[in-house]
C-alpha atoms as a PDB file:
ATOM      1  CA  MET A   1       0.032   0.025   0.054  1.00  0.00           C
ATOM      2  CA  LYS A   2       1.359   3.409  -0.977  1.00  0.00           C
ATOM      3  CA  ARG A   3       0.822   6.391   1.150  1.00  0.00           C
ATOM      4  CA  ASP A   4       0.553   9.869   0.010  1.00  0.00           C
ATOM      5  CA  PRO A   5       3.126  11.733   2.010  1.00  0.00           C
ATOM      6  CA  LYS A   6       0.839  14.843   2.097  1.00  0.00           C
ATOM      7  CA  ALA A   7      -2.267  13.157   3.304  1.00  0.00           C
ATOM      8  CA  LYS A   8      -3.632  13.303   6.831  1.00  0.00           C
ATOM      9  CA  TYR A   9      -6.011  10.802   8.159  1.00  0.00           C
ATOM     10  CA  LYS A  10      -8.607  10.605  10.914  1.00  0.00           C
ATOM     11  CA  ILE A  11      -7.403   7.655  12.954  1.00  0.00           C
ATOM     12  CA  LEU A  12      -8.926   5.445  15.677  1.00  0.00           C
ATOM     13  CA  HIS A  13      -6.234   3.634  17.604  1.00  0.00           C
ATOM     14  CA  LEU A  14      -8.218   0.732  19.188  1.00  0.00           C
ATOM     15  CA  GLY A  15      -6.592  -0.977  22.246  1.00  0.00           C
ATOM     16  CA  CYS A  16      -3.936   1.918  22.568  1.00  0.00           C
ATOM     17  CA  GLY A  17      -2.694   0.453  26.020  1.00  0.00           C
ATOM     18  CA  GLU A  18      -0.222   2.999  27.566  1.00  0.00           C
ATOM     19  CA  GLY A  19      -0.103   5.158  24.396  1.00  0.00           C
ATOM     20  CA  ASP A  20       3.347   3.898  23.154  1.00  0.00           C
ATOM     21  CA  TYR A  21       2.635   4.223  19.454  1.00  0.00           C
ATOM     22  CA  ASP A  22       0.467   7.363  19.494  1.00  0.00           C
ATOM     23  CA  PRO A  23       3.266   9.877  19.127  1.00  0.00           C
ATOM     24  CA  HIS A  24       4.500   8.087  16.061  1.00  0.00           C
ATOM     25  CA  LEU A  25       1.114   8.116  14.393  1.00  0.00           C
ATOM     26  CA  LEU A  26       0.573  11.826  14.811  1.00  0.00           C
ATOM     27  CA  PRO A  27       2.634  12.683  11.697  1.00  0.00           C
ATOM     28  CA  PHE A  28       0.158  10.796   9.551  1.00  0.00           C
ATOM     29  CA  ALA A  29      -3.028  11.928  11.233  1.00  0.00           C
ATOM     30  CA  SER A  30      -5.357  14.998  11.192  1.00  0.00           C
ATOM     31  CA  SER A  31      -6.683  13.664  14.492  1.00  0.00           C
ATOM     32  CA  ILE A  32      -6.264  10.489  16.628  1.00  0.00           C
ATOM     33  CA  LEU A  33      -8.910   8.925  18.946  1.00  0.00           C
ATOM     34  CA  ALA A  34      -6.956   6.471  21.005  1.00  0.00           C
ATOM     35  CA  GLY A  35      -9.024   4.082  23.077  1.00  0.00           C
ATOM     36  CA  ASP A  36      -8.692   1.150  25.597  1.00  0.00           C
ATOM     37  CA  ILE A  37     -11.124  -0.597  27.891  1.00  0.00           C
ATOM     38  CA  ASN A  38      -8.576  -0.316  30.658  1.00  0.00           C
ATOM     39  CA  GLU A  39      -9.163   3.036  32.443  1.00  0.00           C
ATOM     40  CA  GLY A  40      -5.550   2.774  34.160  1.00  0.00           C
ATOM     41  CA  ASP A  41      -3.936   2.398  30.716  1.00  0.00           C
ATOM     42  CA  ILE A  42      -5.770   5.528  29.461  1.00  0.00           C
ATOM     43  CA  SER A  43      -4.946   7.627  32.491  1.00  0.00           C
ATOM     44  CA  TYR A  44      -1.302   6.719  32.071  1.00  0.00           C
ATOM     45  CA  ALA A  45      -1.253   7.499  28.413  1.00  0.00           C
ATOM     46  CA  LYS A  46      -2.867  10.860  29.061  1.00  0.00           C
ATOM     47  CA  SER A  47       0.023  11.615  31.611  1.00  0.00           C
ATOM     48  CA  VAL A  48       2.742  10.909  29.025  1.00  0.00           C
ATOM     49  CA  ASN A  49       1.208  12.060  25.810  1.00  0.00           C
ATOM     50  CA  GLY A  50      -1.529  14.485  27.054  1.00  0.00           C
ATOM     51  CA  GLN A  51       0.420  17.622  25.725  1.00  0.00           C
ATOM     52  CA  LEU A  52       0.337  16.431  22.039  1.00  0.00           C
ATOM     53  CA  SER A  53      -2.257  18.289  19.921  1.00  0.00           C
ATOM     54  CA  GLY A  54      -4.621  16.262  17.830  1.00  0.00           C
ATOM     55  CA  LEU A  55      -4.476  13.374  20.228  1.00  0.00           C
ATOM     56  CA  GLU A  56      -7.622  12.484  22.258  1.00  0.00           C
ATOM     57  CA  TYR A  57      -7.776   9.514  24.822  1.00  0.00           C
ATOM     58  CA  LYS A  58     -11.115   7.733  25.664  1.00  0.00           C
ATOM     59  CA  VAL A  59     -12.075   4.606  27.450  1.00  0.00           C
ATOM     60  CA  LEU A  60     -13.642   2.427  24.618  1.00  0.00           C
ATOM     61  CA  ASP A  61     -15.172  -1.053  24.343  1.00  0.00           C
ATOM     62  CA  ALA A  62     -14.001  -2.671  21.103  1.00  0.00           C
ATOM     63  CA  LEU A  63     -17.332  -4.497  20.873  1.00  0.00           C
ATOM     64  CA  ASP A  64     -19.384  -1.426  21.138  1.00  0.00           C
ATOM     65  CA  LEU A  65     -17.441   1.626  19.865  1.00  0.00           C
ATOM     66  CA  ALA A  66     -18.810   4.984  20.798  1.00  0.00           C
ATOM     67  CA  ALA A  67     -18.563   6.387  17.336  1.00  0.00           C
ATOM     68  CA  GLU A  68     -20.770   7.134  14.464  1.00  0.00           C
ATOM     69  CA  ASP A  69     -20.791   5.095  11.343  1.00  0.00           C
ATOM     70  CA  GLY A  70     -18.150   6.018   8.850  1.00  0.00           C
ATOM     71  CA  SER A  71     -16.244   8.106  11.252  1.00  0.00           C
ATOM     72  CA  PHE A  72     -12.477   7.240  10.464  1.00  0.00           C
ATOM     73  CA  ASP A  73     -10.266   6.884   7.611  1.00  0.00           C
ATOM     74  CA  ILE A  74      -7.963   4.276   9.411  1.00  0.00           C
ATOM     75  CA  VAL A  75      -8.413   2.017  12.368  1.00  0.00           C
ATOM     76  CA  ILE A  76      -5.304   0.497  14.079  1.00  0.00           C
ATOM     77  CA  ALA A  77      -5.574  -2.366  16.519  1.00  0.00           C
ATOM     78  CA  VAL A  78      -2.088  -3.928  17.568  1.00  0.00           C
ATOM     79  CA  ASP A  79      -2.676  -7.130  19.408  1.00  0.00           C
ATOM     80  CA  THR A  80      -6.074  -6.383  20.465  1.00  0.00           C
ATOM     81  CA  LEU A  81      -8.360  -8.894  18.745  1.00  0.00           C
ATOM     82  CA  GLU A  82      -7.101 -11.819  20.927  1.00  0.00           C
ATOM     83  CA  HIS A  83      -8.212 -10.098  23.970  1.00  0.00           C
ATOM     84  CA  VAL A  84     -12.046  -9.672  23.160  1.00  0.00           C
ATOM     85  CA  ASP A  85     -14.731 -12.268  23.787  1.00  0.00           C
ATOM     86  CA  GLU A  86     -16.404 -11.878  20.374  1.00  0.00           C
ATOM     87  CA  PRO A  87     -13.779 -11.184  17.655  1.00  0.00           C
ATOM     88  CA  GLN A  88     -16.331 -11.194  14.909  1.00  0.00           C
ATOM     89  CA  GLN A  89     -18.230  -8.398  16.626  1.00  0.00           C
ATOM     90  CA  MET A  90     -15.070  -6.374  16.982  1.00  0.00           C
ATOM     91  CA  MET A  91     -14.531  -6.796  13.241  1.00  0.00           C
ATOM     92  CA  HIS A  92     -18.041  -5.574  12.508  1.00  0.00           C
ATOM     93  CA  GLU A  93     -17.423  -2.624  14.632  1.00  0.00           C
ATOM     94  CA  ILE A  94     -14.245  -1.773  12.750  1.00  0.00           C
ATOM     95  CA  ALA A  95     -16.142  -2.010   9.486  1.00  0.00           C
ATOM     96  CA  ARG A  96     -18.953   0.109  10.871  1.00  0.00           C
ATOM     97  CA  VAL A  97     -16.785   2.951  11.904  1.00  0.00           C
ATOM     98  CA  LEU A  98     -14.621   3.070   8.895  1.00  0.00           C
ATOM     99  CA  LYS A  99     -15.375   5.198   5.964  1.00  0.00           C
ATOM    100  CA  LYS A 100     -15.975   3.368   2.549  1.00  0.00           C
ATOM    101  CA  GLY A 101     -12.706   2.526   1.245  1.00  0.00           C
ATOM    102  CA  GLY A 102     -11.182   3.232   4.660  1.00  0.00           C
ATOM    103  CA  ARG A 103      -8.483   0.817   5.894  1.00  0.00           C
ATOM    104  CA  ALA A 104      -7.633  -1.066   9.082  1.00  0.00           C
ATOM    105  CA  PHE A 105      -4.252  -2.157  10.319  1.00  0.00           C
ATOM    106  CA  LEU A 106      -4.405  -5.147  12.677  1.00  0.00           C
ATOM    107  CA  THR A 107      -1.895  -7.466  14.221  1.00  0.00           C
ATOM    108  CA  PHE A 108      -2.496 -10.618  16.485  1.00  0.00           C
ATOM    109  CA  PRO A 109      -0.821 -13.772  17.817  1.00  0.00           C
ATOM    110  CA  ARG A 110      -1.218 -16.721  15.647  1.00  0.00           C
ATOM    111  CA  TYR A 111      -2.286 -20.228  16.586  1.00  0.00           C
ATOM    112  CA  GLU A 112       0.319 -21.442  14.030  1.00  0.00           C
ATOM    113  CA  PHE A 113       3.232 -20.321  16.020  1.00  0.00           C
ATOM    114  CA  PRO A 114       6.895 -21.970  15.920  1.00  0.00           C
ATOM    115  CA  ILE A 115       7.883 -24.558  18.114  1.00  0.00           C
ATOM    116  CA  THR A 116      10.714 -22.490  19.154  1.00  0.00           C
ATOM    117  CA  TYR A 117       8.530 -19.838  20.742  1.00  0.00           C
ATOM    118  CA  ASP A 118       6.601 -22.150  23.053  1.00  0.00           C
ATOM    119  CA  PRO A 119       7.361 -26.035  22.840  1.00  0.00           C
ATOM    120  CA  ILE A 120       5.017 -26.904  25.578  1.00  0.00           C
ATOM    121  CA  ASN A 121       1.975 -25.360  24.238  1.00  0.00           C
ATOM    122  CA  PHE A 122       3.079 -26.420  20.638  1.00  0.00           C
ATOM    123  CA  PHE A 123       2.742 -30.105  21.768  1.00  0.00           C
ATOM    124  CA  ASN A 124      -0.476 -29.331  23.850  1.00  0.00           C
ATOM    125  CA  GLN A 125      -2.001 -28.216  20.595  1.00  0.00           C
ATOM    126  CA  ILE A 126      -1.068 -31.451  19.048  1.00  0.00           C
ATOM    127  CA  TRP A 127      -2.341 -33.546  21.938  1.00  0.00           C
ATOM    128  CA  ASN A 128      -5.523 -31.499  22.350  1.00  0.00           C
ATOM    129  CA  ARG A 129      -4.489 -30.450  25.794  1.00  0.00           C
ATOM    130  CA  LYS A 130      -5.411 -27.220  27.836  1.00  0.00           C
ATOM    131  CA  PRO A 131      -2.655 -24.661  27.250  1.00  0.00           C
ATOM    132  CA  ILE A 132      -0.477 -23.287  30.086  1.00  0.00           C
ATOM    133  CA  ALA A 133      -0.714 -19.621  30.598  1.00  0.00           C
ATOM    134  CA  GLN A 134       2.787 -18.871  29.270  1.00  0.00           C
ATOM    135  CA  GLY A 135       4.555 -18.564  26.034  1.00  0.00           C
ATOM    136  CA  ALA A 136       2.066 -18.057  23.336  1.00  0.00           C
ATOM    137  CA  TYR A 137      -0.626 -17.944  25.956  1.00  0.00           C
ATOM    138  CA  ALA A 138       0.927 -15.438  28.177  1.00  0.00           C
ATOM    139  CA  PHE A 139      -0.391 -11.641  28.340  1.00  0.00           C
ATOM    140  CA  ASN A 140      -3.938 -13.098  29.009  1.00  0.00           C
ATOM    141  CA  HIS A 141      -4.217 -14.532  25.680  1.00  0.00           C
ATOM    142  CA  THR A 142      -7.180 -16.823  26.109  1.00  0.00           C
ATOM    143  CA  PHE A 143      -7.133 -17.883  22.415  1.00  0.00           C
ATOM    144  CA  LEU A 144      -4.822 -17.604  19.505  1.00  0.00           C
ATOM    145  CA  VAL A 145      -6.104 -16.582  15.990  1.00  0.00           C
ATOM    146  CA  LYS A 146      -6.203 -19.371  13.310  1.00  0.00           C
ATOM    147  CA  ASN A 147      -5.749 -18.486   9.635  1.00  0.00           C
ATOM    148  CA  GLN A 148      -9.284 -19.617   8.708  1.00  0.00           C
ATOM    149  CA  ASP A 149     -10.754 -17.640  11.490  1.00  0.00           C
ATOM    150  CA  TRP A 150      -9.381 -14.196  10.552  1.00  0.00           C
ATOM    151  CA  GLN A 151     -10.266 -14.676   6.892  1.00  0.00           C
ATOM    152  CA  THR A 152     -13.932 -15.627   7.907  1.00  0.00           C
ATOM    153  CA  TRP A 153     -14.246 -12.590  10.260  1.00  0.00           C
ATOM    154  CA  CYS A 154     -12.963 -10.108   7.598  1.00  0.00           C
ATOM    155  CA  GLN A 155     -15.264 -11.576   4.821  1.00  0.00           C
ATOM    156  CA  LYS A 156     -18.396 -11.513   7.167  1.00  0.00           C
ATOM    157  CA  ALA A 157     -17.567  -7.977   8.104  1.00  0.00           C
ATOM    158  CA  GLY A 158     -17.348  -6.786   4.576  1.00  0.00           C
ATOM    159  CA  LEU A 159     -13.641  -6.224   4.809  1.00  0.00           C
ATOM    160  CA  VAL A 160     -11.235  -7.167   1.941  1.00  0.00           C
ATOM    161  CA  VAL A 161      -7.700  -8.303   2.954  1.00  0.00           C
ATOM    162  CA  GLU A 162      -5.236  -6.197   0.832  1.00  0.00           C
ATOM    163  CA  GLN A 163      -2.010  -7.598   2.467  1.00  0.00           C
ATOM    164  CA  SER A 164      -1.081 -10.128   5.124  1.00  0.00           C
ATOM    165  CA  GLN A 165       2.390 -10.382   6.716  1.00  0.00           C
ATOM    166  CA  LYS A 166       3.910 -12.934   8.991  1.00  0.00           C
ATOM    167  CA  ILE A 167       5.466 -11.209  12.125  1.00  0.00           C
ATOM    168  CA  SER A 168       8.442 -13.026  13.878  1.00  0.00           C
ATOM    169  CA  GLY A 169       9.628 -16.271  12.705  1.00  0.00           C
ATOM    170  CA  TRP A 170      11.567 -19.099  14.515  1.00  0.00           C
ATOM    171  CA  LEU A 171      14.730 -16.979  15.480  1.00  0.00           C
ATOM    172  CA  ILE A 172      12.902 -14.166  17.274  1.00  0.00           C
ATOM    173  CA  ALA A 173      10.619 -16.964  18.698  1.00  0.00           C
ATOM    174  CA  LEU A 174      13.564 -18.703  20.195  1.00  0.00           C
ATOM    175  CA  MET A 175      14.862 -15.369  21.660  1.00  0.00           C
ATOM    176  CA  GLU A 176      11.561 -14.578  23.344  1.00  0.00           C
ATOM    177  CA  MET A 177      10.677 -17.993  24.518  1.00  0.00           C
ATOM    178  CA  TYR A 178       8.849 -17.743  27.817  1.00  0.00           C
ATOM    179  CA  TRP A 179      10.908 -15.057  29.430  1.00  0.00           C
ATOM    180  CA  THR A 180       8.684 -12.254  28.008  1.00  0.00           C
ATOM    181  CA  GLY A 181       5.662 -13.337  29.807  1.00  0.00           C
ATOM    182  CA  TRP A 182       7.609 -13.520  33.111  1.00  0.00           C
ATOM    183  CA  ILE A 183       9.216 -10.092  32.526  1.00  0.00           C
ATOM    184  CA  GLN A 184       5.849  -8.512  31.965  1.00  0.00           C
ATOM    185  CA  LYS A 185       4.576 -10.132  35.263  1.00  0.00           C
ATOM    186  CA  ILE A 186       7.604  -8.663  37.175  1.00  0.00           C
ATOM    187  CA  PHE A 187       7.564  -5.025  35.651  1.00  0.00           C
ATOM    188  CA  LYS A 188       3.885  -4.417  34.682  1.00  0.00           C
ATOM    189  CA  ALA A 189       1.125  -4.052  37.235  1.00  0.00           C
ATOM    190  CA  ASN A 190      -1.473  -4.895  34.668  1.00  0.00           C
ATOM    191  CA  SER A 191       0.519  -7.977  33.300  1.00  0.00           C
ATOM    192  CA  ALA A 192      -2.800  -9.813  32.570  1.00  0.00           C
ATOM    193  CA  ASN A 193      -4.152  -6.915  30.444  1.00  0.00           C
ATOM    194  CA  LYS A 194      -7.453  -6.760  32.627  1.00  0.00           C
ATOM    195  CA  SER A 195      -9.723  -3.845  32.598  1.00  0.00           C
ATOM    196  CA  ASN A 196     -10.063  -3.523  36.307  1.00  0.00           C
ATOM    197  CA  GLN A 197      -6.410  -2.624  36.857  1.00  0.00           C
ATOM    198  CA  ASN A 198      -5.728   1.041  37.723  1.00  0.00           C
ATOM    199  CA  GLU A 199      -2.191   1.252  39.071  1.00  0.00           C
ATOM    200  CA  LYS A 200       0.853   0.737  36.841  1.00  0.00           C
ATOM    201  CA  TRP A 201       4.636   0.583  37.018  1.00  0.00           C
ATOM    202  CA  ALA A 202       5.610   1.421  33.529  1.00  0.00           C
ATOM    203  CA  VAL A 203       9.089   1.123  32.116  1.00  0.00           C
ATOM    204  CA  ARG A 204       8.617   3.810  29.479  1.00  0.00           C
ATOM    205  CA  SER A 205       9.001   7.380  30.737  1.00  0.00           C
ATOM    206  CA  ASP A 206       8.457   9.468  27.744  1.00  0.00           C
ATOM    207  CA  ALA A 207       7.330   9.618  24.106  1.00  0.00           C
ATOM    208  CA  LYS A 208      10.877   9.342  22.568  1.00  0.00           C
ATOM    209  CA  THR A 209      11.872   6.433  20.108  1.00  0.00           C
ATOM    210  CA  PRO A 210      14.122   4.147  22.175  1.00  0.00           C
ATOM    211  CA  VAL A 211      17.621   3.833  20.700  1.00  0.00           C
ATOM    212  CA  LEU A 212      17.410   0.078  20.731  1.00  0.00           C
ATOM    213  CA  VAL A 213      14.759   0.241  17.941  1.00  0.00           C
ATOM    214  CA  LEU A 214      17.875   0.035  15.586  1.00  0.00           C
ATOM    215  CA  LEU A 215      18.861  -3.244  16.858  1.00  0.00           C
ATOM    216  CA  THR A 216      15.377  -4.535  16.851  1.00  0.00           C
ATOM    217  CA  ASP A 217      15.049  -3.705  13.265  1.00  0.00           C
ATOM    218  CA  LEU A 218      18.346  -5.354  12.473  1.00  0.00           C
ATOM    219  CA  LEU A 219      17.149  -8.640  14.275  1.00  0.00           C
ATOM    220  CA  ILE A 220      13.670  -8.487  12.543  1.00  0.00           C
ATOM    221  CA  GLY A 221      15.472  -8.393   9.132  1.00  0.00           C
ATOM    222  CA  ILE A 222      17.670 -11.334  10.008  1.00  0.00           C
ATOM    223  CA  ASP A 223      14.779 -13.273  11.281  1.00  0.00           C
ATOM    224  CA  ALA A 224      12.622 -12.652   8.202  1.00  0.00           C
ATOM    225  CA  ALA A 225      15.448 -13.764   5.996  1.00  0.00           C
ATOM    226  CA  LEU A 226      15.968 -16.978   8.038  1.00  0.00           C
ATOM    227  CA  ASN A 227      12.273 -17.874   8.255  1.00  0.00           C
ATOM    228  CA  GLY A 228      12.068 -18.023   4.385  1.00  0.00           C
ATOM    229  CA  VAL A 229       9.066 -20.061   3.389  1.00  0.00           C
ATOM    230  CA  SER A 230       7.985 -21.214   6.797  1.00  0.00           C
ATOM    231  CA  LYS A 231       4.217 -21.031   7.185  1.00  0.00           C
ATOM    232  CA  ARG A 232       4.564 -20.472  10.949  1.00  0.00           C
ATOM    233  CA  SER A 233       5.190 -17.124  12.915  1.00  0.00           C
ATOM    234  CA  ILE A 234       4.394 -15.600  16.261  1.00  0.00           C
ATOM    235  CA  GLY A 235       2.012 -13.111  14.814  1.00  0.00           C
ATOM    236  CA  MET A 236       0.309 -11.796  11.757  1.00  0.00           C
ATOM    237  CA  GLY A 237      -0.254  -8.417  10.400  1.00  0.00           C
ATOM    238  CA  LEU A 238      -3.125  -7.344   8.091  1.00  0.00           C
ATOM    239  CA  ILE A 239      -3.961  -4.379   5.890  1.00  0.00           C
ATOM    240  CA  ILE A 240      -7.825  -4.531   5.323  1.00  0.00           C
ATOM    241  CA  ARG A 241     -10.184  -2.370   3.514  1.00  0.00           C
ATOM    242  CA  LYS A 242     -13.841  -1.605   3.791  1.00  0.00           C
ATOM    243  CA  LYS A 243     -15.659  -2.329   0.639  1.00  0.00           C
ATOM    244  CA  GLU A 244     -17.084   0.781  -1.259  1.00  0.00           C
ATOM    245  CA  SER A 245     -20.280  -0.924  -1.795  1.00  0.00           C
ATOM    246  CA  VAL A 246     -20.911  -1.855   2.023  1.00  0.00           C
END
């Protein structure tokens, strides 16, 4: 998808959490409504990014968005879909608030993850056993998204998949095996991503881009090259468009 460098979009950032991404979205936006069901996350995001113009924070329920039909040019939802009880309803709400021809950018964890990420739950899937709440099922992931499911949800909501991209192959999976879930439990008060958590011990202290992003980008490039034709990845990214005829 090519972007007009002069274009400015009305953006809904759904499941914004602590507001980490919002300062980096502003250069592309005429305005941003950033929402999350967690009041504590919204309060913290306001304390860090509240001075930025064109950015509004609001407590929002992804299954019942407080917005009129066709309100936004773009909807962004990073690792939000797997936290809702009715993912199909969330997709319908995204389609409803998008303008005709508008686009949504989504990421979510995959059911088809590499064995190097979570060998215990990898074999639990094969043996049809209940998953443990670590690895792929850390971060309060009650389910992982199967390929067939996200394709069906998009189709039923009238959303056309323009691009799909695997996120993080076996190398990054190996580097993240289990410890990321434990680190979040140690350093984040709302480690379970629950809506009733109000206090937070956040590592990020401002809206600046961390220097380590350069190293992260390098590792992502190496991982993508090594993952090659593998059908598995930790996550999936989608660019989807609302049909003009909907």
